[in-house]
């Protein structure tokens, strides 16, 4: 899906919390997936943002502004972050989105 003037570029983002920063792992999980004891209207988990798709463990596709924000926060928590701009056919992108929505329901 090539970006248009109104569509931000998509970014593949992968992160890793090293053994030396394991104390950050729960903070990272709370940032991305949220917390059960925090109301959704207080803090929107990263995974629930428009255009963000969870591909698998520690891997996401996100609009560039969201990916840059997440990368900055993750690095601030001690995580290693790798990003690359990508182009995805819209129908293939929707397959990942449906799979992600199915995982959220369980």
C-alpha atoms as a PDB file:
ATOM      1  CA  UNK A   1       0.000   0.000   0.000  1.00  0.00           C
ATOM      2  CA  UNK A   2       1.948   3.029  -1.178  1.00  0.00           C
ATOM      3  CA  UNK A   3       1.505   6.057   1.070  1.00  0.00           C
ATOM      4  CA  UNK A   4      -0.541   8.980  -0.207  1.00  0.00           C
ATOM      5  CA  UNK A   5      -0.383  12.600   0.873  1.00  0.00           C
ATOM      6  CA  UNK A   6      -2.831  11.795   3.681  1.00  0.00           C
ATOM      7  CA  UNK A   7      -1.657   8.271   4.564  1.00  0.00           C
ATOM      8  CA  UNK A   8       1.438   7.946   6.753  1.00  0.00           C
ATOM      9  CA  UNK A   9       4.146   5.490   5.758  1.00  0.00           C
ATOM     10  CA  UNK A  10       3.907   2.086   7.460  1.00  0.00           C
ATOM     11  CA  UNK A  11       6.786   0.875   9.596  1.00  0.00           C
ATOM     12  CA  UNK A  12       7.726  -2.629  10.698  1.00  0.00           C
ATOM     13  CA  UNK A  13       8.878  -2.369  14.319  1.00  0.00           C
ATOM     14  CA  UNK A  14      10.570  -5.078  16.348  1.00  0.00           C
ATOM     15  CA  UNK A  15      11.833  -4.781  19.907  1.00  0.00           C
ATOM     16  CA  UNK A  16      13.716  -6.883  22.425  1.00  0.00           C
ATOM     17  CA  UNK A  17      14.165  -6.480  26.160  1.00  0.00           C
ATOM     18  CA  UNK A  18      17.522  -7.990  27.058  1.00  0.00           C
ATOM     19  CA  UNK A  19      18.170 -10.129  30.126  1.00  0.00           C
ATOM     20  CA  UNK A  20      19.870  -7.162  31.773  1.00  0.00           C
ATOM     21  CA  UNK A  21      16.665  -5.117  31.508  1.00  0.00           C
ATOM     22  CA  UNK A  22      14.097  -7.747  32.549  1.00  0.00           C
ATOM     23  CA  UNK A  23      12.642  -5.365  35.128  1.00  0.00           C
ATOM     24  CA  UNK A  24      11.505  -3.250  32.179  1.00  0.00           C
ATOM     25  CA  UNK A  25       9.601  -6.157  30.590  1.00  0.00           C
ATOM     26  CA  UNK A  26       6.398  -5.571  32.574  1.00  0.00           C
ATOM     27  CA  UNK A  27       6.499  -1.815  31.897  1.00  0.00           C
ATOM     28  CA  UNK A  28       6.911  -2.553  28.184  1.00  0.00           C
ATOM     29  CA  UNK A  29       3.944  -4.947  28.259  1.00  0.00           C
ATOM     30  CA  UNK A  30       1.799  -2.343  30.035  1.00  0.00           C
ATOM     31  CA  UNK A  31       2.721   0.291  27.443  1.00  0.00           C
ATOM     32  CA  UNK A  32       1.829  -1.964  24.524  1.00  0.00           C
ATOM     33  CA  UNK A  33      -1.084  -4.048  25.829  1.00  0.00           C
ATOM     34  CA  UNK A  34      -2.387  -1.952  28.724  1.00  0.00           C
ATOM     35  CA  UNK A  35      -3.192  -2.915  32.287  1.00  0.00           C
ATOM     36  CA  UNK A  36      -6.303  -4.562  33.662  1.00  0.00           C
ATOM     37  CA  UNK A  37      -6.413  -2.093  36.572  1.00  0.00           C
ATOM     38  CA  UNK A  38      -6.363   1.029  34.355  1.00  0.00           C
ATOM     39  CA  UNK A  39      -9.474   2.264  32.561  1.00  0.00           C
ATOM     40  CA  UNK A  40      -9.189   2.307  28.759  1.00  0.00           C
ATOM     41  CA  UNK A  41     -10.141   5.987  28.615  1.00  0.00           C
ATOM     42  CA  UNK A  42      -7.230   6.885  30.939  1.00  0.00           C
ATOM     43  CA  UNK A  43      -4.476   5.408  28.799  1.00  0.00           C
ATOM     44  CA  UNK A  44      -4.976   3.885  25.362  1.00  0.00           C
ATOM     45  CA  UNK A  45      -2.708   0.852  24.940  1.00  0.00           C
ATOM     46  CA  UNK A  46      -0.475   1.108  21.892  1.00  0.00           C
ATOM     47  CA  UNK A  47      -1.971  -2.064  20.392  1.00  0.00           C
ATOM     48  CA  UNK A  48      -5.424  -0.405  20.297  1.00  0.00           C
ATOM     49  CA  UNK A  49      -4.323   2.589  18.218  1.00  0.00           C
ATOM     50  CA  UNK A  50      -5.759   2.983  14.735  1.00  0.00           C
ATOM     51  CA  UNK A  51      -3.571   1.369  12.086  1.00  0.00           C
ATOM     52  CA  UNK A  52      -1.423  -0.661  14.504  1.00  0.00           C
ATOM     53  CA  UNK A  53      -1.236  -4.382  13.753  1.00  0.00           C
ATOM     54  CA  UNK A  54       0.443  -6.930  16.005  1.00  0.00           C
ATOM     55  CA  UNK A  55       2.262  -9.405  13.765  1.00  0.00           C
ATOM     56  CA  UNK A  56       3.667 -11.603  16.510  1.00  0.00           C
ATOM     57  CA  UNK A  57       5.856 -11.553  19.582  1.00  0.00           C
ATOM     58  CA  UNK A  58       7.564  -8.154  19.730  1.00  0.00           C
ATOM     59  CA  UNK A  59       6.711  -7.303  16.091  1.00  0.00           C
ATOM     60  CA  UNK A  60       4.229  -4.675  14.872  1.00  0.00           C
ATOM     61  CA  UNK A  61       3.224  -2.758  11.784  1.00  0.00           C
ATOM     62  CA  UNK A  62       2.303   0.822  12.620  1.00  0.00           C
ATOM     63  CA  UNK A  63       1.888   4.193  10.964  1.00  0.00           C
ATOM     64  CA  UNK A  64       5.227   6.003  11.076  1.00  0.00           C
ATOM     65  CA  UNK A  65       4.261   8.602  13.727  1.00  0.00           C
ATOM     66  CA  UNK A  66       3.064   5.875  16.113  1.00  0.00           C
ATOM     67  CA  UNK A  67       6.106   3.689  15.422  1.00  0.00           C
ATOM     68  CA  UNK A  68       8.481   6.587  16.134  1.00  0.00           C
ATOM     69  CA  UNK A  69       6.684   7.390  19.388  1.00  0.00           C
ATOM     70  CA  UNK A  70       6.708   3.761  20.524  1.00  0.00           C
ATOM     71  CA  UNK A  71      10.374   3.331  19.593  1.00  0.00           C
ATOM     72  CA  UNK A  72      11.337   6.365  21.677  1.00  0.00           C
ATOM     73  CA  UNK A  73       9.410   5.078  24.699  1.00  0.00           C
ATOM     74  CA  UNK A  74      10.770   1.536  24.349  1.00  0.00           C
ATOM     75  CA  UNK A  75      14.358   2.771  24.065  1.00  0.00           C
ATOM     76  CA  UNK A  76      13.764   4.880  27.161  1.00  0.00           C
ATOM     77  CA  UNK A  77      12.881   1.644  28.979  1.00  0.00           C
ATOM     78  CA  UNK A  78      16.087  -0.041  27.819  1.00  0.00           C
ATOM     79  CA  UNK A  79      14.689  -2.075  24.913  1.00  0.00           C
ATOM     80  CA  UNK A  80      16.528  -2.593  21.643  1.00  0.00           C
ATOM     81  CA  UNK A  81      14.354  -1.406  18.736  1.00  0.00           C
ATOM     82  CA  UNK A  82      14.671  -2.029  14.994  1.00  0.00           C
ATOM     83  CA  UNK A  83      12.444  -0.334  12.418  1.00  0.00           C
ATOM     84  CA  UNK A  84      12.068  -0.397   8.643  1.00  0.00           C
ATOM     85  CA  UNK A  85       9.584   1.284   6.308  1.00  0.00           C
ATOM     86  CA  UNK A  86       7.435  -1.218   4.437  1.00  0.00           C
ATOM     87  CA  UNK A  87       4.831  -1.389   1.694  1.00  0.00           C
ATOM     88  CA  UNK A  88       1.971  -3.838   2.173  1.00  0.00           C
ATOM     89  CA  UNK A  89      -0.797  -4.718  -0.259  1.00  0.00           C
ATOM     90  CA  UNK A  90      -4.070  -3.588   1.382  1.00  0.00           C
ATOM     91  CA  UNK A  91      -5.686  -7.036   1.153  1.00  0.00           C
ATOM     92  CA  UNK A  92      -2.687  -8.680   2.825  1.00  0.00           C
ATOM     93  CA  UNK A  93      -2.638  -6.015   5.503  1.00  0.00           C
ATOM     94  CA  UNK A  94      -6.288  -6.764   6.302  1.00  0.00           C
ATOM     95  CA  UNK A  95      -5.441 -10.473   6.711  1.00  0.00           C
ATOM     96  CA  UNK A  96      -2.986  -9.552   9.483  1.00  0.00           C
ATOM     97  CA  UNK A  97      -5.508  -7.165  11.048  1.00  0.00           C
ATOM     98  CA  UNK A  98      -8.232  -9.861  11.148  1.00  0.00           C
ATOM     99  CA  UNK A  99      -5.806 -12.346  12.682  1.00  0.00           C
ATOM    100  CA  UNK A 100      -4.843  -9.784  15.315  1.00  0.00           C
ATOM    101  CA  UNK A 101      -8.467  -9.002  16.146  1.00  0.00           C
ATOM    102  CA  UNK A 102      -9.096 -12.730  16.561  1.00  0.00           C
ATOM    103  CA  UNK A 103      -6.274 -12.968  19.100  1.00  0.00           C
ATOM    104  CA  UNK A 104      -7.700 -10.070  21.102  1.00  0.00           C
ATOM    105  CA  UNK A 105     -11.068 -11.799  21.413  1.00  0.00           C
ATOM    106  CA  UNK A 106      -9.602 -14.806  23.221  1.00  0.00           C
END
